[in-house]
Amino acid sequence: MNEIYLVGLGNPGKKYSNSRHNIGFLLLENLSKKYNSNFLLKDKLKSFCSEFKINNSNYRLFLPNTFMNNSGDAVRAIVDWYNINLDQIFIIVDDKDLPLGKIRFRKKGSSGGHNGLKSIIEKLQTNKFNRIRIGIGSPKSINEKNFNTISHVLGNISQEEKLILDKVYSRVIESLEKLNTKKEELIINELNSFDKDQI
């Protein structure tokens, strides 16, 4: 039985539930709903967890209950508890350096200034893990650059953005469902060449 571990990054709590920074949560909530599975809090994993099968593969989904900046604590707990080979784990995360609707699948890389990825790299002591980055676009520039980035990332997804992101979620979910039946290179190419305007 193949095991696939998907970790969405975000901040717990109602206040953040529709923020751009919570795209990892939102995507996995959509996937879990599709398979009629609910998330339950597991303290030892510092995460809400959901589990179901797709094509004889066991999918385990995790939404860390730590705040974004401490995502590494939850990922470390998950990796240790299940004794995971890092090839089996996929981190899903927002990226303000990618245009809205762009997807980037990478097998390793720096945090790119993302505090969630930074925390995971620190705790795992490696940057070699799968990550699927979903573009949220960069903030409109105002003089106070820093405040602006934070308010953009933690700001709520607009109705217009949601229409684009729904297409992105569908595309990523379709690829995740085929992780065990399709060559990874093909999935990487599919996601990286995704064009929201061609749908």
N, C-alpha and C. Protein backbone atom coordinates (compact mmCIF):
# COMPACT_ATOMS: atom_id res chain seq x y z
N MET A 1 0.86 -1.21 0.00
CA MET A 1 0.00 0.00 0.00
C MET A 1 0.88 1.24 0.00
N ASN A 2 0.70 2.08 -1.01
CA ASN A 2 1.45 3.32 -1.06
C ASN A 2 0.88 4.35 -0.10
N GLU A 3 1.76 5.10 0.52
CA GLU A 3 1.34 6.15 1.45
C GLU A 3 1.76 7.49 0.87
N ILE A 4 0.83 8.44 0.85
CA ILE A 4 1.15 9.79 0.38
C ILE A 4 0.76 10.77 1.48
N TYR A 5 1.68 11.66 1.78
CA TYR A 5 1.47 12.63 2.87
C TYR A 5 1.42 14.03 2.28
N LEU A 6 0.31 14.71 2.49
CA LEU A 6 0.14 16.06 1.96
C LEU A 6 0.00 17.03 3.13
N VAL A 7 0.83 18.05 3.15
CA VAL A 7 0.77 19.04 4.24
C VAL A 7 0.46 20.40 3.61
N GLY A 8 -0.68 20.97 4.01
CA GLY A 8 -1.03 22.32 3.54
C GLY A 8 -0.56 23.31 4.59
N LEU A 9 0.02 24.42 4.15
CA LEU A 9 0.47 25.41 5.13
C LEU A 9 -0.57 26.52 5.25
N GLY A 10 -0.67 27.05 6.47
CA GLY A 10 -1.62 28.13 6.75
C GLY A 10 -1.57 28.48 8.22
N ASN A 11 -2.47 29.36 8.63
CA ASN A 11 -2.60 29.72 10.04
C ASN A 11 -3.92 29.19 10.56
N PRO A 12 -3.92 28.54 11.74
CA PRO A 12 -5.19 28.02 12.27
C PRO A 12 -6.08 29.17 12.75
N GLY A 13 -7.37 28.92 12.80
CA GLY A 13 -8.31 29.91 13.37
C GLY A 13 -9.16 30.58 12.30
N LYS A 14 -10.39 30.90 12.69
CA LYS A 14 -11.38 31.53 11.80
C LYS A 14 -10.85 32.79 11.14
N LYS A 15 -10.13 33.59 11.92
CA LYS A 15 -9.64 34.89 11.46
C LYS A 15 -8.87 34.78 10.14
N TYR A 16 -8.15 33.66 9.97
CA TYR A 16 -7.28 33.51 8.80
C TYR A 16 -7.86 32.59 7.73
N SER A 17 -9.06 32.04 7.98
CA SER A 17 -9.50 30.91 7.15
C SER A 17 -9.61 31.23 5.66
N ASN A 18 -9.82 32.51 5.32
CA ASN A 18 -9.95 32.83 3.89
C ASN A 18 -8.79 33.72 3.40
N SER A 19 -7.67 33.68 4.13
CA SER A 19 -6.56 34.55 3.72
C SER A 19 -5.70 33.88 2.64
N ARG A 20 -4.98 34.71 1.90
CA ARG A 20 -4.14 34.19 0.82
C ARG A 20 -3.06 33.25 1.37
N HIS A 21 -2.63 33.52 2.60
CA HIS A 21 -1.59 32.70 3.23
C HIS A 21 -2.09 31.29 3.55
N ASN A 22 -3.41 31.10 3.48
CA ASN A 22 -4.01 29.82 3.86
C ASN A 22 -4.38 28.95 2.67
N ILE A 23 -3.78 29.23 1.53
CA ILE A 23 -4.13 28.48 0.32
C ILE A 23 -3.84 26.98 0.49
N GLY A 24 -2.77 26.64 1.21
CA GLY A 24 -2.46 25.22 1.46
C GLY A 24 -3.60 24.53 2.20
N PHE A 25 -4.15 25.22 3.21
CA PHE A 25 -5.30 24.68 3.95
C PHE A 25 -6.50 24.53 3.02
N LEU A 26 -6.79 25.60 2.28
CA LEU A 26 -8.00 25.62 1.45
C LEU A 26 -7.97 24.50 0.41
N LEU A 27 -6.82 24.29 -0.19
CA LEU A 27 -6.71 23.25 -1.22
C LEU A 27 -6.97 21.87 -0.62
N LEU A 28 -6.34 21.59 0.52
CA LEU A 28 -6.52 20.26 1.12
C LEU A 28 -7.93 20.08 1.69
N GLU A 29 -8.55 21.17 2.14
CA GLU A 29 -9.94 21.06 2.60
C GLU A 29 -10.84 20.66 1.42
N ASN A 30 -10.57 21.23 0.25
CA ASN A 30 -11.34 20.86 -0.96
C ASN A 30 -11.15 19.39 -1.31
N LEU A 31 -9.90 18.93 -1.22
CA LEU A 31 -9.60 17.52 -1.56
C LEU A 31 -10.28 16.58 -0.57
N SER A 32 -10.20 16.91 0.70
CA SER A 32 -10.78 16.07 1.75
C SER A 32 -12.31 15.98 1.58
N LYS A 33 -12.92 17.12 1.29
CA LYS A 33 -14.37 17.19 1.10
C LYS A 33 -14.79 16.28 -0.07
N LYS A 34 -13.98 16.29 -1.12
CA LYS A 34 -14.28 15.49 -2.31
C LYS A 34 -14.40 14.00 -1.94
N TYR A 35 -13.64 13.57 -0.94
CA TYR A 35 -13.66 12.15 -0.52
C TYR A 35 -14.43 11.97 0.79
N ASN A 36 -15.29 12.95 1.09
CA ASN A 36 -16.16 12.89 2.29
C ASN A 36 -15.39 12.58 3.57
N SER A 37 -14.22 13.16 3.69
CA SER A 37 -13.41 12.92 4.89
C SER A 37 -13.30 14.22 5.68
N ASN A 38 -13.27 14.09 7.00
CA ASN A 38 -13.18 15.29 7.85
C ASN A 38 -11.81 15.38 8.52
N PHE A 39 -11.44 16.58 8.89
CA PHE A 39 -10.17 16.78 9.61
C PHE A 39 -10.41 16.69 11.11
N LEU A 40 -9.56 15.92 11.79
CA LEU A 40 -9.63 15.80 13.25
C LEU A 40 -8.29 16.20 13.83
N LEU A 41 -8.32 16.88 14.97
CA LEU A 41 -7.07 17.33 15.59
C LEU A 41 -6.32 16.16 16.22
N LYS A 42 -5.04 16.01 15.89
CA LYS A 42 -4.19 15.00 16.55
C LYS A 42 -3.04 15.75 17.18
N ASP A 43 -3.11 15.87 18.50
CA ASP A 43 -2.12 16.67 19.23
C ASP A 43 -0.69 16.23 18.98
N LYS A 44 -0.49 14.90 18.95
CA LYS A 44 0.89 14.41 18.82
C LYS A 44 1.50 14.80 17.46
N LEU A 45 0.64 15.08 16.48
CA LEU A 45 1.12 15.48 15.14
C LEU A 45 1.02 16.99 14.95
N LYS A 46 0.54 17.69 16.01
CA LYS A 46 0.40 19.15 15.95
C LYS A 46 -0.37 19.58 14.71
N SER A 47 -1.34 18.77 14.31
CA SER A 47 -2.06 19.03 13.05
C SER A 47 -3.48 18.49 13.11
N PHE A 48 -4.32 19.05 12.25
CA PHE A 48 -5.62 18.44 11.95
C PHE A 48 -5.34 17.45 10.83
N CYS A 49 -5.91 16.25 10.92
CA CYS A 49 -5.58 15.19 9.95
C CYS A 49 -6.85 14.62 9.31
N SER A 50 -6.70 14.22 8.06
CA SER A 50 -7.78 13.58 7.32
C SER A 50 -7.15 12.44 6.52
N GLU A 51 -7.88 11.35 6.38
CA GLU A 51 -7.28 10.17 5.72
C GLU A 51 -8.31 9.45 4.85
N PHE A 52 -7.91 9.05 3.66
CA PHE A 52 -8.79 8.28 2.77
C PHE A 52 -7.94 7.59 1.71
N LYS A 53 -8.61 6.76 0.92
CA LYS A 53 -7.87 6.02 -0.13
C LYS A 53 -8.26 6.52 -1.52
N ILE A 54 -7.26 6.57 -2.40
CA ILE A 54 -7.51 6.84 -3.83
C ILE A 54 -6.71 5.77 -4.58
N ASN A 55 -7.38 5.02 -5.45
CA ASN A 55 -6.68 3.98 -6.23
C ASN A 55 -5.72 3.13 -5.40
N ASN A 56 -6.20 2.54 -4.33
CA ASN A 56 -5.34 1.70 -3.49
C ASN A 56 -4.16 2.42 -2.84
N SER A 57 -4.18 3.72 -2.83
CA SER A 57 -3.13 4.46 -2.11
C SER A 57 -3.76 5.14 -0.91
N ASN A 58 -3.01 5.17 0.16
CA ASN A 58 -3.47 5.82 1.37
C ASN A 58 -3.04 7.28 1.35
N TYR A 59 -3.99 8.18 1.40
CA TYR A 59 -3.67 9.61 1.43
C TYR A 59 -3.86 10.13 2.85
N ARG A 60 -2.84 10.77 3.37
CA ARG A 60 -2.96 11.40 4.69
C ARG A 60 -2.74 12.89 4.50
N LEU A 61 -3.72 13.68 4.93
CA LEU A 61 -3.67 15.13 4.76
C LEU A 61 -3.48 15.79 6.12
N PHE A 62 -2.68 16.83 6.15
CA PHE A 62 -2.39 17.51 7.42
C PHE A 62 -2.49 19.02 7.28
N LEU A 63 -3.17 19.63 8.25
CA LEU A 63 -3.20 21.09 8.36
C LEU A 63 -2.55 21.41 9.71
N PRO A 64 -1.32 21.91 9.72
CA PRO A 64 -0.65 22.16 11.01
C PRO A 64 -1.46 23.09 11.91
N ASN A 65 -1.46 22.78 13.19
CA ASN A 65 -2.16 23.58 14.18
C ASN A 65 -1.21 24.61 14.79
N THR A 66 0.02 24.60 14.30
CA THR A 66 1.01 25.60 14.73
C THR A 66 0.76 26.81 13.84
N PHE A 67 1.25 27.97 14.21
CA PHE A 67 1.12 29.08 13.26
C PHE A 67 2.13 28.90 12.15
N MET A 68 1.90 29.60 11.04
CA MET A 68 2.73 29.44 9.84
C MET A 68 4.22 29.42 10.15
N ASN A 69 4.66 30.37 11.00
CA ASN A 69 6.11 30.50 11.25
C ASN A 69 6.71 29.30 11.98
N ASN A 70 5.84 28.44 12.52
CA ASN A 70 6.32 27.23 13.22
C ASN A 70 5.87 25.96 12.51
N SER A 71 5.56 26.07 11.22
CA SER A 71 5.09 24.89 10.47
C SER A 71 6.04 23.71 10.59
N GLY A 72 7.33 23.99 10.71
CA GLY A 72 8.34 22.93 10.80
C GLY A 72 8.12 22.01 11.99
N ASP A 73 7.56 22.55 13.09
CA ASP A 73 7.30 21.69 14.28
C ASP A 73 6.32 20.58 13.92
N ALA A 74 5.26 20.95 13.18
CA ALA A 74 4.25 19.95 12.80
C ALA A 74 4.84 18.97 11.78
N VAL A 75 5.55 19.49 10.79
CA VAL A 75 6.11 18.60 9.74
C VAL A 75 7.10 17.63 10.36
N ARG A 76 7.92 18.11 11.27
CA ARG A 76 8.89 17.24 11.97
C ARG A 76 8.15 16.13 12.73
N ALA A 77 7.08 16.51 13.43
CA ALA A 77 6.30 15.53 14.21
C ALA A 77 5.69 14.47 13.28
N ILE A 78 5.19 14.90 12.12
CA ILE A 78 4.58 13.97 11.14
C ILE A 78 5.64 13.02 10.59
N VAL A 79 6.78 13.59 10.18
CA VAL A 79 7.86 12.79 9.60
C VAL A 79 8.36 11.75 10.61
N ASP A 80 8.52 12.17 11.87
CA ASP A 80 9.02 11.25 12.90
C ASP A 80 8.00 10.17 13.24
N TRP A 81 6.75 10.57 13.39
CA TRP A 81 5.71 9.62 13.81
C TRP A 81 5.52 8.51 12.77
N TYR A 82 5.46 8.89 11.49
CA TYR A 82 5.23 7.89 10.44
C TYR A 82 6.52 7.35 9.84
N ASN A 83 7.64 7.89 10.32
CA ASN A 83 8.95 7.48 9.79
C ASN A 83 8.97 7.60 8.26
N ILE A 84 8.65 8.80 7.81
CA ILE A 84 8.45 9.05 6.38
C ILE A 84 9.76 9.26 5.64
N ASN A 85 9.81 8.68 4.45
CA ASN A 85 10.86 9.01 3.51
C ASN A 85 10.40 10.33 2.87
N LEU A 86 11.26 11.34 2.81
CA LEU A 86 10.83 12.67 2.38
C LEU A 86 10.27 12.72 0.95
N ASP A 87 10.53 11.68 0.15
CA ASP A 87 9.92 11.62 -1.19
C ASP A 87 8.41 11.52 -1.13
N GLN A 88 7.90 11.03 0.01
CA GLN A 88 6.45 10.77 0.11
C GLN A 88 5.65 11.97 0.58
N ILE A 89 6.36 13.04 0.96
CA ILE A 89 5.66 14.18 1.54
C ILE A 89 5.63 15.35 0.56
N PHE A 90 4.48 16.01 0.49
CA PHE A 90 4.30 17.14 -0.43
C PHE A 90 3.76 18.32 0.38
N ILE A 91 4.47 19.44 0.32
CA ILE A 91 4.06 20.64 1.05
C ILE A 91 3.34 21.56 0.07
N ILE A 92 2.17 22.05 0.46
CA ILE A 92 1.41 22.94 -0.44
C ILE A 92 1.35 24.32 0.21
N VAL A 93 1.77 25.32 -0.57
CA VAL A 93 2.06 26.61 0.04
C VAL A 93 1.75 27.75 -0.93
N ASP A 94 1.40 28.92 -0.37
CA ASP A 94 1.17 30.11 -1.21
C ASP A 94 2.52 30.74 -1.58
N ASP A 95 2.53 31.51 -2.66
CA ASP A 95 3.78 32.17 -3.07
C ASP A 95 3.48 33.53 -3.69
N LYS A 96 3.90 34.59 -2.99
CA LYS A 96 3.61 35.95 -3.49
C LYS A 96 4.53 36.34 -4.64
N ASP A 97 5.58 35.55 -4.89
CA ASP A 97 6.48 35.87 -6.01
C ASP A 97 6.02 35.24 -7.32
N LEU A 98 4.95 34.47 -7.25
CA LEU A 98 4.39 33.89 -8.48
C LEU A 98 3.08 34.63 -8.81
N PRO A 99 2.82 34.88 -10.09
CA PRO A 99 1.55 35.53 -10.44
C PRO A 99 0.36 34.68 -9.98
N LEU A 100 -0.74 35.35 -9.69
CA LEU A 100 -1.96 34.65 -9.27
C LEU A 100 -2.31 33.58 -10.29
N GLY A 101 -2.51 32.35 -9.81
CA GLY A 101 -2.94 31.27 -10.72
C GLY A 101 -1.80 30.44 -11.28
N LYS A 102 -0.55 30.85 -11.04
CA LYS A 102 0.59 30.05 -11.49
C LYS A 102 0.87 28.96 -10.46
N ILE A 103 1.37 27.81 -10.94
CA ILE A 103 1.72 26.70 -10.03
C ILE A 103 3.18 26.34 -10.29
N ARG A 104 3.92 26.08 -9.21
CA ARG A 104 5.31 25.62 -9.36
C ARG A 104 5.53 24.39 -8.49
N PHE A 105 5.87 23.27 -9.10
CA PHE A 105 6.22 22.06 -8.35
C PHE A 105 7.73 21.95 -8.37
N ARG A 106 8.34 21.92 -7.18
CA ARG A 106 9.80 21.78 -7.07
C ARG A 106 10.13 20.67 -6.09
N LYS A 107 11.23 19.99 -6.34
CA LYS A 107 11.64 18.89 -5.45
C LYS A 107 12.63 19.35 -4.37
N LYS A 108 13.11 20.58 -4.52
CA LYS A 108 13.98 21.15 -3.48
C LYS A 108 14.08 22.65 -3.73
N GLY A 109 14.71 23.37 -2.81
CA GLY A 109 14.89 24.80 -3.04
C GLY A 109 14.87 25.57 -1.75
N SER A 110 15.20 26.85 -1.85
CA SER A 110 15.25 27.70 -0.66
C SER A 110 13.82 28.05 -0.24
N SER A 111 13.71 28.76 0.87
CA SER A 111 12.38 29.14 1.36
C SER A 111 11.80 30.28 0.53
N GLY A 112 12.65 30.98 -0.22
CA GLY A 112 12.16 32.13 -0.99
C GLY A 112 11.51 33.18 -0.10
N GLY A 113 11.99 33.23 1.17
CA GLY A 113 11.45 34.23 2.10
C GLY A 113 10.12 33.83 2.72
N HIS A 114 9.65 32.60 2.44
CA HIS A 114 8.38 32.13 3.02
C HIS A 114 8.66 31.54 4.39
N ASN A 115 8.03 32.12 5.43
CA ASN A 115 8.35 31.69 6.80
C ASN A 115 7.97 30.24 7.10
N GLY A 116 6.92 29.76 6.45
CA GLY A 116 6.52 28.35 6.66
C GLY A 116 7.58 27.42 6.12
N LEU A 117 8.04 27.68 4.89
CA LEU A 117 9.08 26.83 4.30
C LEU A 117 10.39 26.95 5.07
N LYS A 118 10.68 28.16 5.53
CA LYS A 118 11.90 28.41 6.30
C LYS A 118 11.92 27.54 7.56
N SER A 119 10.79 27.50 8.24
CA SER A 119 10.66 26.71 9.46
C SER A 119 10.82 25.22 9.17
N ILE A 120 10.25 24.75 8.04
CA ILE A 120 10.35 23.32 7.68
C ILE A 120 11.81 22.97 7.35
N ILE A 121 12.48 23.83 6.59
CA ILE A 121 13.89 23.59 6.23
C ILE A 121 14.74 23.51 7.50
N GLU A 122 14.47 24.41 8.46
CA GLU A 122 15.23 24.41 9.73
C GLU A 122 15.00 23.11 10.49
N LYS A 123 13.74 22.71 10.62
CA LYS A 123 13.43 21.53 11.44
C LYS A 123 13.84 20.21 10.78
N LEU A 124 13.75 20.15 9.46
CA LEU A 124 14.13 18.90 8.76
C LEU A 124 15.63 18.89 8.45
N GLN A 125 16.24 20.06 8.55
CA GLN A 125 17.67 20.24 8.24
C GLN A 125 18.01 19.82 6.81
N THR A 126 17.07 20.09 5.93
CA THR A 126 17.31 19.86 4.49
C THR A 126 16.30 20.71 3.72
N ASN A 127 16.66 21.06 2.48
CA ASN A 127 15.67 21.76 1.64
C ASN A 127 15.21 20.84 0.52
N LYS A 128 15.53 19.54 0.67
CA LYS A 128 15.15 18.57 -0.36
C LYS A 128 13.83 17.89 0.02
N PHE A 129 12.74 18.57 -0.25
CA PHE A 129 11.41 17.97 -0.08
C PHE A 129 10.51 18.60 -1.13
N ASN A 130 9.47 17.85 -1.52
CA ASN A 130 8.54 18.33 -2.56
C ASN A 130 7.72 19.49 -2.06
N ARG A 131 7.62 20.52 -2.89
CA ARG A 131 6.70 21.60 -2.53
C ARG A 131 5.94 22.05 -3.78
N ILE A 132 4.65 22.28 -3.58
CA ILE A 132 3.81 22.79 -4.67
C ILE A 132 3.44 24.21 -4.26
N ARG A 133 3.98 25.18 -5.01
CA ARG A 133 3.75 26.58 -4.66
C ARG A 133 2.65 27.15 -5.57
N ILE A 134 1.73 27.86 -4.94
CA ILE A 134 0.59 28.41 -5.67
C ILE A 134 0.67 29.94 -5.62
N GLY A 135 0.70 30.55 -6.80
CA GLY A 135 0.88 32.01 -6.87
C GLY A 135 -0.31 32.78 -6.33
N ILE A 136 0.00 33.81 -5.53
CA ILE A 136 -1.06 34.72 -5.05
C ILE A 136 -0.81 36.13 -5.59
N GLY A 137 0.27 36.29 -6.39
CA GLY A 137 0.59 37.61 -6.94
C GLY A 137 1.21 38.50 -5.89
N SER A 138 1.90 39.53 -6.35
CA SER A 138 2.55 40.41 -5.36
C SER A 138 1.62 41.56 -5.01
N PRO A 139 1.85 42.15 -3.84
CA PRO A 139 0.97 43.26 -3.41
C PRO A 139 1.15 44.47 -4.32
N LYS A 140 0.10 45.28 -4.43
CA LYS A 140 0.23 46.54 -5.15
C LYS A 140 1.21 47.38 -4.36
N SER A 141 2.11 48.09 -5.04
CA SER A 141 3.14 48.77 -4.26
C SER A 141 2.63 50.08 -3.65
N ILE A 142 2.88 50.18 -2.36
CA ILE A 142 2.65 51.42 -1.60
C ILE A 142 4.02 51.72 -1.01
N ASN A 143 4.16 52.91 -0.46
CA ASN A 143 5.48 53.25 0.11
C ASN A 143 5.91 52.32 1.21
N GLU A 144 4.96 51.99 2.11
CA GLU A 144 5.34 51.11 3.23
C GLU A 144 5.33 49.66 2.74
N LYS A 145 6.40 49.27 2.11
CA LYS A 145 6.51 47.98 1.45
C LYS A 145 6.19 46.82 2.39
N ASN A 146 6.82 46.84 3.57
CA ASN A 146 6.73 45.71 4.49
C ASN A 146 5.30 45.48 4.97
N PHE A 147 4.71 46.53 5.48
CA PHE A 147 3.33 46.44 5.97
C PHE A 147 2.43 45.91 4.85
N ASN A 148 2.73 46.39 3.64
CA ASN A 148 1.92 46.04 2.50
C ASN A 148 1.98 44.54 2.18
N THR A 149 3.19 43.96 2.26
CA THR A 149 3.34 42.52 2.00
C THR A 149 2.54 41.72 3.01
N ILE A 150 2.66 42.10 4.28
CA ILE A 150 1.96 41.37 5.34
C ILE A 150 0.44 41.48 5.14
N SER A 151 -0.03 42.69 4.85
CA SER A 151 -1.48 42.85 4.71
C SER A 151 -1.99 42.13 3.45
N HIS A 152 -1.14 42.03 2.44
CA HIS A 152 -1.53 41.30 1.22
C HIS A 152 -1.63 39.80 1.50
N VAL A 153 -0.59 39.27 2.13
CA VAL A 153 -0.52 37.83 2.39
C VAL A 153 -1.64 37.40 3.36
N LEU A 154 -1.87 38.22 4.38
CA LEU A 154 -2.88 37.86 5.38
C LEU A 154 -4.28 38.37 5.01
N GLY A 155 -4.35 39.11 3.89
CA GLY A 155 -5.65 39.64 3.46
C GLY A 155 -6.53 38.53 2.90
N ASN A 156 -7.83 38.81 2.87
CA ASN A 156 -8.77 37.79 2.37
C ASN A 156 -8.77 37.70 0.85
N ILE A 157 -9.01 36.49 0.38
CA ILE A 157 -9.08 36.22 -1.07
C ILE A 157 -10.36 36.87 -1.60
N SER A 158 -10.24 37.68 -2.65
CA SER A 158 -11.42 38.34 -3.21
C SER A 158 -12.22 37.33 -4.05
N GLN A 159 -13.43 37.73 -4.41
CA GLN A 159 -14.30 36.88 -5.20
C GLN A 159 -13.64 36.57 -6.56
N GLU A 160 -13.03 37.60 -7.12
CA GLU A 160 -12.35 37.49 -8.42
C GLU A 160 -11.18 36.49 -8.33
N GLU A 161 -10.39 36.63 -7.26
CA GLU A 161 -9.25 35.72 -7.06
C GLU A 161 -9.75 34.29 -6.85
N LYS A 162 -10.86 34.17 -6.13
CA LYS A 162 -11.38 32.84 -5.81
C LYS A 162 -11.72 32.07 -7.09
N LEU A 163 -12.27 32.76 -8.09
CA LEU A 163 -12.63 32.10 -9.35
C LEU A 163 -11.39 31.49 -10.01
N ILE A 164 -10.28 32.23 -9.95
CA ILE A 164 -9.02 31.73 -10.53
C ILE A 164 -8.48 30.59 -9.66
N LEU A 165 -8.48 30.79 -8.35
CA LEU A 165 -7.92 29.79 -7.44
C LEU A 165 -8.71 28.48 -7.48
N ASP A 166 -10.01 28.56 -7.70
CA ASP A 166 -10.81 27.33 -7.80
C ASP A 166 -10.31 26.46 -8.96
N LYS A 167 -9.93 27.10 -10.07
CA LYS A 167 -9.37 26.35 -11.22
C LYS A 167 -8.03 25.72 -10.82
N VAL A 168 -7.25 26.50 -10.07
CA VAL A 168 -5.94 26.01 -9.64
C VAL A 168 -6.12 24.80 -8.72
N TYR A 169 -7.03 24.92 -7.74
CA TYR A 169 -7.27 23.80 -6.82
C TYR A 169 -7.66 22.55 -7.60
N SER A 170 -8.57 22.70 -8.56
CA SER A 170 -9.03 21.53 -9.34
C SER A 170 -7.85 20.88 -10.06
N ARG A 171 -7.02 21.72 -10.66
CA ARG A 171 -5.87 21.21 -11.42
C ARG A 171 -4.89 20.47 -10.50
N VAL A 172 -4.56 21.08 -9.35
CA VAL A 172 -3.61 20.46 -8.42
C VAL A 172 -4.21 19.17 -7.85
N ILE A 173 -5.48 19.21 -7.49
CA ILE A 173 -6.13 18.02 -6.93
C ILE A 173 -6.09 16.87 -7.94
N GLU A 174 -6.38 17.18 -9.19
CA GLU A 174 -6.33 16.16 -10.25
C GLU A 174 -4.94 15.50 -10.31
N SER A 175 -3.91 16.32 -10.19
CA SER A 175 -2.54 15.78 -10.24
C SER A 175 -2.22 14.98 -8.97
N LEU A 176 -2.65 15.48 -7.82
CA LEU A 176 -2.37 14.77 -6.57
C LEU A 176 -3.03 13.39 -6.58
N GLU A 177 -4.21 13.31 -7.18
CA GLU A 177 -4.93 12.03 -7.23
C GLU A 177 -4.18 11.00 -8.07
N LYS A 178 -3.31 11.49 -8.95
CA LYS A 178 -2.59 10.56 -9.84
C LYS A 178 -1.15 10.32 -9.39
N LEU A 179 -0.81 10.76 -8.19
CA LEU A 179 0.59 10.66 -7.76
C LEU A 179 1.14 9.25 -7.84
N ASN A 180 0.27 8.24 -7.68
CA ASN A 180 0.79 6.87 -7.71
C ASN A 180 0.56 6.14 -9.01
N THR A 181 -0.12 6.80 -9.94
CA THR A 181 -0.42 6.08 -11.19
C THR A 181 0.25 6.75 -12.38
N LYS A 182 0.83 7.90 -12.15
CA LYS A 182 1.44 8.64 -13.25
C LYS A 182 2.86 9.00 -12.88
N LYS A 183 3.75 9.07 -13.85
CA LYS A 183 5.14 9.44 -13.56
C LYS A 183 5.20 10.85 -12.97
N GLU A 184 6.04 10.98 -11.95
CA GLU A 184 6.13 12.28 -11.27
C GLU A 184 6.55 13.40 -12.23
N GLU A 185 7.46 13.08 -13.17
CA GLU A 185 7.92 14.12 -14.12
C GLU A 185 6.74 14.69 -14.91
N LEU A 186 5.81 13.79 -15.28
CA LEU A 186 4.65 14.24 -16.05
C LEU A 186 3.78 15.17 -15.21
N ILE A 187 3.62 14.81 -13.94
CA ILE A 187 2.81 15.64 -13.04
C ILE A 187 3.48 16.99 -12.86
N ILE A 188 4.80 16.98 -12.67
CA ILE A 188 5.54 18.24 -12.50
C ILE A 188 5.33 19.13 -13.73
N ASN A 189 5.47 18.53 -14.91
CA ASN A 189 5.29 19.31 -16.15
C ASN A 189 3.87 19.85 -16.30
N GLU A 190 2.90 18.99 -15.97
CA GLU A 190 1.49 19.42 -16.05
C GLU A 190 1.24 20.65 -15.19
N LEU A 191 1.72 20.57 -13.96
CA LEU A 191 1.45 21.66 -13.02
C LEU A 191 2.22 22.92 -13.41
N ASN A 192 3.49 22.75 -13.76
CA ASN A 192 4.32 23.92 -14.06
C ASN A 192 3.89 24.63 -15.34
N SER A 193 3.21 23.89 -16.22
CA SER A 193 2.81 24.54 -17.48
C SER A 193 1.33 24.97 -17.43
N PHE A 194 0.69 24.82 -16.28
CA PHE A 194 -0.72 25.18 -16.14
C PHE A 194 -0.94 26.66 -16.48
N ASP A 195 -1.95 26.92 -17.30
CA ASP A 195 -2.29 28.29 -17.66
C ASP A 195 -3.75 28.53 -17.34
N LYS A 196 -3.99 29.38 -16.33
CA LYS A 196 -5.36 29.61 -15.87
C LYS A 196 -6.28 30.15 -16.98
N ASP A 197 -5.68 30.79 -18.01
CA ASP A 197 -6.50 31.39 -19.06
C ASP A 197 -6.92 30.41 -20.13
N GLN A 198 -6.38 29.20 -20.06
CA GLN A 198 -6.73 28.22 -21.10
C GLN A 198 -7.89 27.32 -20.68
N ILE A 199 -8.48 27.66 -19.56
CA ILE A 199 -9.57 26.78 -19.08
C ILE A 199 -10.91 27.40 -19.41
